[in-house]
Amino acid sequence: MNDSNATSKFPQQHSDFGLKTLSKLLPVAIVIVLANGLVFVLFYRCRRLCTSSNYVLLSLAICDFSTGAIAIPYFIVYSFGILPPQMNDGVYASHTLLAISGAYHILFITGLKYMATVSPLKHHVVTMSLVLKIVLGVWITSTVFAIIPVVLHIAEASARWDVIHTAVFLVMVFLFPYIFMIYAYIAMFSAITKRQRPSLILNKNSSEQKKKKSDRKCILVFAAMASIFACCWFPYFIVMLLVNIRLKVLFSVFEAVMVIRYITSLANPLLYTFFKRDFWSAFQNLLQNKGKVSSTSQKSQTGSLSLTSRLRSRSSVNSRRLTTLEGEGQEPRMIPNSNVTFGEETFLTSRV
């Protein structure tokens, strides 16, 4: 195998490693798919979520969903050593693509919130069309950057180019974006603090005060997403860089960062579903609607059972009357076409 092969960075594939990987990562993949699937359901059921900024979160959910549905299963299959050699490069490429996409989505979300907080008058220029174009650009950039190691391997380039690629990745995906994000979060908190007027301190129920609390909470959610992403993915690519420059890395450390990197795909949907006000409201409405449907179904079943029991009771009474008349030697006399009403339904029956 050539030194430039990206997958030489990963542990040697064998059956024991495959079983360990399967047992550890399959539950993580299932939870990630379910958590991000909930985001898709909320967008489908609640039209109020269809705003320009939330479409960036929807695209981020697609990225995180792909981690659980594609990247993790791909790595599990790779760990058993059953992939053709030409498909091994896709393991590292898929993880790189999703890492870049996730980082730039969080960067874009931070930029939108920064504009809305610091320069609210300029925020109106961010249209739905512009957001969709930028999201598309994020995916294209991530894809191009992710396939570079594959191209280097096909071209049989030296290992030095892998080192350069990983170093550029750390600068472009972590260093520069996170310098801006740190500045943006400090500026946003400063802007929110300066807006506080003495009259609003006494009136805690004012709409302005509630909006300020909501903005602060939203900023904290996005800051938590950025921090978790950095903590999960930065160690992984530091280890990749060390492997590229041929430094030994303990297998236990390698195994730990391989698992930790996926936590961000689970943390993101949980953070903005349960801590962002519009998503939390949509989630509560979804639960309430399910409760109403369940209650209506139970009432319908109860009414149907009650109606059936009444009909059976009526039929039993008629049968007993008929038996009594026959025992007394009388001819049963039927009154045809008599209407029997139960609730809102009318039945045509015969009475003895």
Protein backbone atom coordinates (compact mmCIF):
# COMPACT_ATOMS: atom_id res chain seq x y z
CA MET A 1 0.00 0.00 0.00
CA ASN A 2 1.37 3.43 -0.96
CA ASP A 3 2.36 5.81 1.84
CA SER A 4 -0.07 8.37 0.56
CA ASN A 5 -3.01 6.14 1.16
CA ALA A 6 -5.34 8.03 3.46
CA THR A 7 -6.65 4.91 5.10
CA SER A 8 -3.19 3.92 6.30
CA LYS A 9 -3.98 6.37 9.09
CA PHE A 10 -6.61 4.02 10.47
CA PRO A 11 -5.99 0.88 12.56
CA GLN A 12 -5.32 -2.39 10.76
CA GLN A 13 -8.59 -4.09 9.81
CA HIS A 14 -9.32 -7.49 11.32
CA SER A 15 -12.35 -9.34 12.64
CA ASP A 16 -11.77 -8.47 16.31
CA PHE A 17 -11.40 -4.79 15.50
CA GLY A 18 -14.54 -4.99 13.37
CA LEU A 19 -16.61 -6.53 16.18
CA LYS A 20 -15.39 -3.95 18.70
CA THR A 21 -16.18 -1.13 16.29
CA LEU A 22 -19.62 -2.56 15.59
CA SER A 23 -20.51 -2.87 19.27
CA LYS A 24 -19.37 0.68 20.05
CA LEU A 25 -20.51 2.64 17.02
CA LEU A 26 -23.75 1.00 15.91
CA PRO A 27 -25.76 2.29 18.93
CA VAL A 28 -24.23 5.74 18.35
CA ALA A 29 -25.27 5.65 14.69
CA ILE A 30 -28.86 4.67 15.57
CA VAL A 31 -29.23 7.47 18.14
CA ILE A 32 -27.77 10.03 15.71
CA VAL A 33 -30.21 8.99 12.98
CA LEU A 34 -33.19 9.19 15.35
CA ALA A 35 -32.19 12.57 16.81
CA ASN A 36 -31.70 14.20 13.43
CA GLY A 37 -34.76 12.42 12.04
CA LEU A 38 -36.76 14.28 14.72
CA VAL A 39 -35.49 17.56 13.25
CA PHE A 40 -36.80 16.54 9.81
CA VAL A 41 -40.19 15.69 11.31
CA LEU A 42 -40.37 19.05 13.08
CA PHE A 43 -39.60 20.91 9.86
CA TYR A 44 -42.24 18.92 8.00
CA ARG A 45 -44.95 19.36 10.63
CA CYS A 46 -44.27 22.98 11.67
CA ARG A 47 -44.18 25.57 8.90
CA ARG A 48 -43.08 28.28 11.34
CA LEU A 49 -39.60 26.73 11.37
CA CYS A 50 -39.14 27.39 7.65
CA THR A 51 -37.07 30.57 8.04
CA SER A 52 -33.83 31.46 6.30
CA SER A 53 -31.66 30.90 9.39
CA ASN A 54 -33.39 27.64 10.28
CA TYR A 55 -32.72 26.27 6.80
CA VAL A 56 -29.04 26.39 7.72
CA LEU A 57 -29.86 24.23 10.76
CA LEU A 58 -31.80 21.88 8.47
CA SER A 59 -28.74 21.54 6.24
CA LEU A 60 -26.61 20.92 9.34
CA ALA A 61 -29.10 18.22 10.39
CA ILE A 62 -28.63 16.59 6.97
CA CYS A 63 -24.87 16.64 7.59
CA ASP A 64 -25.25 15.08 11.04
CA PHE A 65 -27.80 12.55 9.76
CA SER A 66 -25.30 11.51 7.09
CA THR A 67 -22.76 10.86 9.82
CA GLY A 68 -25.05 8.28 11.43
CA ALA A 69 -26.50 6.85 8.22
CA ILE A 70 -23.42 6.82 5.96
CA ALA A 71 -20.08 7.66 7.62
CA ILE A 72 -20.37 5.39 10.66
CA PRO A 73 -21.72 2.35 8.73
CA TYR A 74 -18.98 2.93 6.14
CA PHE A 75 -16.31 2.89 8.86
CA ILE A 76 -17.85 -0.22 10.47
CA VAL A 77 -17.71 -2.08 7.15
CA TYR A 78 -14.13 -0.88 6.64
CA SER A 79 -13.13 -2.15 10.10
CA PHE A 80 -13.99 -5.73 9.04
CA GLY A 81 -11.55 -5.46 6.11
CA ILE A 82 -14.10 -6.50 3.48
CA LEU A 83 -14.01 -3.36 1.31
CA PRO A 84 -12.20 -3.40 -2.04
CA PRO A 85 -8.87 -1.53 -1.82
CA GLN A 86 -10.10 1.24 -4.13
CA MET A 87 -12.95 2.06 -1.71
CA ASN A 88 -10.79 2.44 1.40
CA ASP A 89 -9.94 6.06 0.61
CA GLY A 90 -13.63 6.90 0.90
CA VAL A 91 -13.56 6.35 4.66
CA TYR A 92 -11.24 9.27 5.35
CA ALA A 93 -12.82 11.37 2.57
CA SER A 94 -16.36 10.96 3.95
CA HIS A 95 -15.30 11.98 7.46
CA THR A 96 -13.37 14.96 6.12
CA LEU A 97 -16.35 16.09 4.05
CA LEU A 98 -18.75 15.94 6.99
CA ALA A 99 -16.27 17.63 9.34
CA ILE A 100 -15.73 20.56 6.98
CA SER A 101 -19.44 20.83 6.24
CA GLY A 102 -20.33 20.82 9.94
CA ALA A 103 -17.71 23.45 10.81
CA TYR A 104 -18.76 25.81 8.01
CA HIS A 105 -22.46 25.39 8.83
CA ILE A 106 -21.77 26.43 12.42
CA LEU A 107 -19.64 29.33 11.11
CA PHE A 108 -22.49 30.45 8.83
CA ILE A 109 -25.05 30.18 11.65
CA THR A 110 -22.79 32.27 13.89
CA GLY A 111 -22.42 34.88 11.14
CA LEU A 112 -26.19 35.17 10.69
CA LYS A 113 -26.75 35.56 14.43
CA TYR A 114 -23.94 38.11 14.58
CA MET A 115 -25.58 40.23 11.88
CA ALA A 116 -29.01 39.98 13.54
CA THR A 117 -27.61 41.02 16.92
CA VAL A 118 -24.95 43.61 16.11
CA SER A 119 -26.33 45.02 12.83
CA PRO A 120 -30.07 44.23 12.79
CA LEU A 121 -30.74 46.84 10.07
CA LYS A 122 -28.40 45.00 7.67
CA HIS A 123 -29.84 41.58 8.46
CA HIS A 124 -32.72 42.05 6.01
CA VAL A 125 -30.32 41.59 3.08
CA VAL A 126 -29.99 37.91 4.07
CA THR A 127 -32.69 36.44 1.83
CA MET A 128 -33.75 32.84 1.45
CA SER A 129 -32.09 32.70 -1.97
CA LEU A 130 -28.78 33.94 -0.55
CA VAL A 131 -28.91 31.42 2.30
CA LEU A 132 -29.53 28.52 -0.07
CA LYS A 133 -26.66 29.62 -2.33
CA ILE A 134 -24.24 29.81 0.62
CA VAL A 135 -25.37 26.40 1.91
CA LEU A 136 -24.80 24.94 -1.55
CA GLY A 137 -21.36 26.57 -1.60
CA VAL A 138 -20.55 24.99 1.78
CA TRP A 139 -21.33 21.52 0.45
CA ILE A 140 -19.36 22.06 -2.77
CA THR A 141 -16.32 23.39 -0.89
CA SER A 142 -16.46 20.48 1.56
CA THR A 143 -16.68 17.95 -1.25
CA VAL A 144 -13.75 19.42 -3.19
CA PHE A 145 -11.53 19.57 -0.11
CA ALA A 146 -12.50 16.01 0.91
CA ILE A 147 -11.61 14.38 -2.40
CA ILE A 148 -8.11 15.87 -2.46
CA PRO A 149 -6.60 12.93 -0.48
CA VAL A 150 -8.24 10.52 -2.92
CA VAL A 151 -6.72 12.38 -5.88
CA LEU A 152 -3.33 12.41 -4.16
CA HIS A 153 -3.49 8.67 -3.65
CA ILE A 154 -4.48 8.00 -7.26
CA ALA A 155 -1.64 10.24 -8.44
CA GLU A 156 0.73 8.38 -6.04
CA ALA A 157 1.89 11.63 -4.48
CA SER A 158 4.36 11.61 -1.61
CA ALA A 159 3.28 11.56 2.01
CA ARG A 160 4.36 15.19 2.32
CA TRP A 161 1.22 16.26 0.48
CA ASP A 162 -0.94 14.48 3.04
CA VAL A 163 0.78 16.48 5.77
CA ILE A 164 0.19 19.72 3.86
CA HIS A 165 -3.46 18.84 3.25
CA THR A 166 -4.12 18.08 6.92
CA ALA A 167 -2.29 21.22 8.07
CA VAL A 168 -4.27 23.41 5.66
CA PHE A 169 -7.43 21.70 6.86
CA LEU A 170 -6.68 22.61 10.48
CA VAL A 171 -6.04 26.23 9.54
CA MET A 172 -9.02 26.70 7.21
CA VAL A 173 -11.59 24.70 9.18
CA PHE A 174 -10.58 25.35 12.79
CA LEU A 175 -8.11 28.22 13.26
CA PHE A 176 -9.57 31.03 11.11
CA PRO A 177 -13.29 30.17 11.58
CA TYR A 178 -12.95 29.81 15.34
CA ILE A 179 -11.04 33.09 15.68
CA PHE A 180 -14.01 34.79 14.02
CA MET A 181 -16.55 32.87 16.12
CA ILE A 182 -14.84 33.80 19.38
CA TYR A 183 -14.86 37.45 18.31
CA ALA A 184 -18.51 37.20 17.20
CA TYR A 185 -19.76 35.70 20.46
CA ILE A 186 -17.93 38.33 22.52
CA ALA A 187 -19.38 41.11 20.34
CA MET A 188 -22.91 39.68 20.56
CA PHE A 189 -22.88 39.39 24.33
CA SER A 190 -21.48 42.92 24.55
CA ALA A 191 -24.22 44.27 22.27
CA ILE A 192 -26.97 42.57 24.28
CA THR A 193 -25.57 43.90 27.56
CA LYS A 194 -25.43 47.49 26.26
CA ARG A 195 -29.08 47.32 25.24
CA GLN A 196 -30.18 46.89 28.84
CA ARG A 197 -31.73 50.10 30.17
CA PRO A 198 -32.51 50.85 33.84
CA SER A 199 -36.24 50.93 33.13
CA LEU A 200 -36.10 47.39 31.77
CA ILE A 201 -34.33 46.03 34.83
CA LEU A 202 -37.39 46.69 36.99
CA ASN A 203 -39.86 45.41 34.41
CA LYS A 204 -38.78 41.80 33.98
CA ASN A 205 -41.92 40.90 32.02
CA SER A 206 -41.42 43.47 29.26
CA SER A 207 -41.26 42.17 25.68
CA GLU A 208 -37.83 43.74 25.20
CA GLN A 209 -36.50 41.94 28.25
CA LYS A 210 -37.92 38.61 27.07
CA LYS A 211 -36.41 39.11 23.62
CA LYS A 212 -33.03 39.85 25.15
CA LYS A 213 -33.17 36.66 27.23
CA SER A 214 -34.19 34.68 24.15
CA ASP A 215 -31.30 36.12 22.11
CA ARG A 216 -28.84 35.37 24.90
CA LYS A 217 -30.09 31.80 25.15
CA CYS A 218 -29.85 31.32 21.37
CA ILE A 219 -26.28 32.64 21.36
CA LEU A 220 -25.37 30.25 24.17
CA VAL A 221 -26.82 27.34 22.17
CA PHE A 222 -24.74 28.21 19.09
CA ALA A 223 -21.63 28.80 21.21
CA ALA A 224 -22.12 25.37 22.81
CA MET A 225 -22.46 23.80 19.35
CA ALA A 226 -19.21 25.43 18.22
CA SER A 227 -17.38 24.39 21.39
CA ILE A 228 -18.58 20.78 21.23
CA PHE A 229 -17.64 20.55 17.56
CA ALA A 230 -14.11 21.79 18.26
CA CYS A 231 -13.67 19.44 21.22
CA CYS A 232 -14.88 16.44 19.19
CA TRP A 233 -13.18 16.96 15.82
CA PHE A 234 -10.02 18.95 16.60
CA PRO A 235 -8.30 16.06 18.48
CA TYR A 236 -9.19 13.69 15.63
CA PHE A 237 -7.42 15.75 12.98
CA ILE A 238 -4.50 16.50 15.28
CA VAL A 239 -4.03 12.73 15.54
CA MET A 240 -4.34 12.46 11.74
CA LEU A 241 -1.58 15.06 11.39
CA LEU A 242 0.67 13.19 13.82
CA VAL A 243 0.10 9.95 11.90
CA ASN A 244 0.91 11.68 8.60
CA ILE A 245 4.25 12.89 9.89
CA ARG A 246 4.97 9.33 11.06
CA LEU A 247 4.75 9.89 14.79
CA LYS A 248 3.52 7.00 16.90
CA VAL A 249 0.12 7.39 18.49
CA LEU A 250 -1.16 5.10 21.23
CA PHE A 251 -3.95 2.86 19.96
CA SER A 252 -6.11 3.71 23.00
CA VAL A 253 -5.83 7.42 22.15
CA PHE A 254 -6.64 6.72 18.51
CA GLU A 255 -9.64 4.62 19.47
CA ALA A 256 -10.94 7.32 21.84
CA VAL A 257 -10.84 10.13 19.28
CA MET A 258 -12.48 7.87 16.69
CA VAL A 259 -15.53 7.55 18.96
CA ILE A 260 -15.57 11.09 20.41
CA ARG A 261 -15.69 12.72 16.96
CA TYR A 262 -19.29 11.51 16.46
CA ILE A 263 -20.69 13.14 19.62
CA THR A 264 -21.18 16.45 17.83
CA SER A 265 -23.68 14.88 15.40
CA LEU A 266 -25.81 13.89 18.38
CA ALA A 267 -25.29 17.05 20.44
CA ASN A 268 -26.28 19.49 17.67
CA PRO A 269 -29.92 18.38 17.17
CA LEU A 270 -30.45 17.97 20.91
CA LEU A 271 -29.14 21.48 21.60
CA TYR A 272 -31.30 23.40 19.16
CA THR A 273 -34.36 21.15 19.58
CA PHE A 274 -34.54 21.41 23.36
CA PHE A 275 -32.92 24.81 23.97
CA LYS A 276 -33.88 26.94 20.95
CA ARG A 277 -37.30 28.43 21.56
CA ASP A 278 -38.93 27.91 18.15
CA PHE A 279 -37.77 24.28 17.91
CA TRP A 280 -38.85 23.53 21.47
CA SER A 281 -42.29 25.04 20.79
CA ALA A 282 -42.63 22.92 17.64
CA PHE A 283 -41.59 19.81 19.59
CA GLN A 284 -44.21 20.50 22.29
CA ASN A 285 -46.89 21.03 19.65
CA LEU A 286 -45.93 17.73 18.04
CA LEU A 287 -46.34 15.91 21.36
CA GLN A 288 -49.67 17.62 22.05
CA ASN A 289 -51.01 16.71 18.61
CA LYS A 290 -50.02 13.08 19.13
CA GLY A 291 -51.76 13.14 22.51
CA LYS A 292 -54.93 14.53 20.96
CA VAL A 293 -54.91 11.92 18.21
CA SER A 294 -54.43 9.15 20.77
CA SER A 295 -57.25 10.51 22.95
CA THR A 296 -59.60 10.80 19.96
CA SER A 297 -58.77 7.24 18.91
CA GLN A 298 -59.50 5.93 22.42
CA LYS A 299 -62.82 7.79 22.54
CA SER A 300 -63.76 6.41 19.13
CA GLN A 301 -62.93 2.86 20.23
CA THR A 302 -64.87 3.33 23.47
CA GLY A 303 -67.91 4.63 21.58
CA SER A 304 -67.75 1.74 19.14
CA LEU A 305 -67.57 -0.82 21.97
CA SER A 306 -70.49 0.88 23.76
CA LEU A 307 -72.59 0.80 20.61
CA THR A 308 -71.77 -2.87 20.02
CA SER A 309 -72.70 -3.77 23.60
CA ARG A 310 -76.03 -1.97 23.28
CA LEU A 311 -76.85 -3.80 20.08
CA ARG A 312 -75.98 -7.13 21.67
CA SER A 313 -78.10 -6.30 24.71
CA ARG A 314 -81.07 -5.39 22.51
CA SER A 315 -80.66 -8.58 20.51
CA SER A 316 -80.54 -10.62 23.71
CA VAL A 317 -83.79 -9.03 24.96
CA ASN A 318 -85.55 -9.79 21.68
CA SER A 319 -84.36 -13.40 21.79
CA ARG A 320 -85.67 -13.87 25.33
CA ARG A 321 -89.07 -12.40 24.38
CA LEU A 322 -89.29 -14.69 21.37
CA THR A 323 -88.47 -17.71 23.51
CA THR A 324 -91.16 -16.75 26.05
CA LEU A 325 -93.85 -16.40 23.38
CA GLU A 326 -92.99 -19.76 21.87
CA GLY A 327 -93.14 -21.38 25.32
CA GLU A 328 -96.64 -19.99 25.85
CA GLY A 329 -97.80 -21.32 22.49
CA GLN A 330 -98.24 -17.88 20.95
CA GLU A 331 -97.22 -16.94 17.50
CA PRO A 332 -94.48 -14.37 17.50
CA ARG A 333 -95.71 -11.09 16.08
CA MET A 334 -93.13 -9.05 14.29
CA ILE A 335 -93.36 -5.32 13.78
CA PRO A 336 -91.27 -4.61 10.73
CA ASN A 337 -89.29 -1.57 9.84
CA SER A 338 -88.95 -0.15 13.33
CA ASN A 339 -86.19 2.36 13.85
CA VAL A 340 -83.84 1.90 16.82
CA THR A 341 -81.57 4.83 17.65
CA PHE A 342 -78.27 4.63 19.58
CA GLY A 343 -76.40 7.88 19.99
CA GLU A 344 -76.23 9.53 16.59
CA GLU A 345 -76.89 6.37 14.50
CA THR A 346 -80.26 4.91 13.53
CA PHE A 347 -80.67 1.17 12.85
CA LEU A 348 -83.52 -0.58 11.06
CA THR A 349 -84.73 -3.60 13.06
CA SER A 350 -87.77 -5.75 13.86
CA ARG A 351 -89.43 -5.87 17.24
CA VAL A 352 -91.33 -8.81 18.78
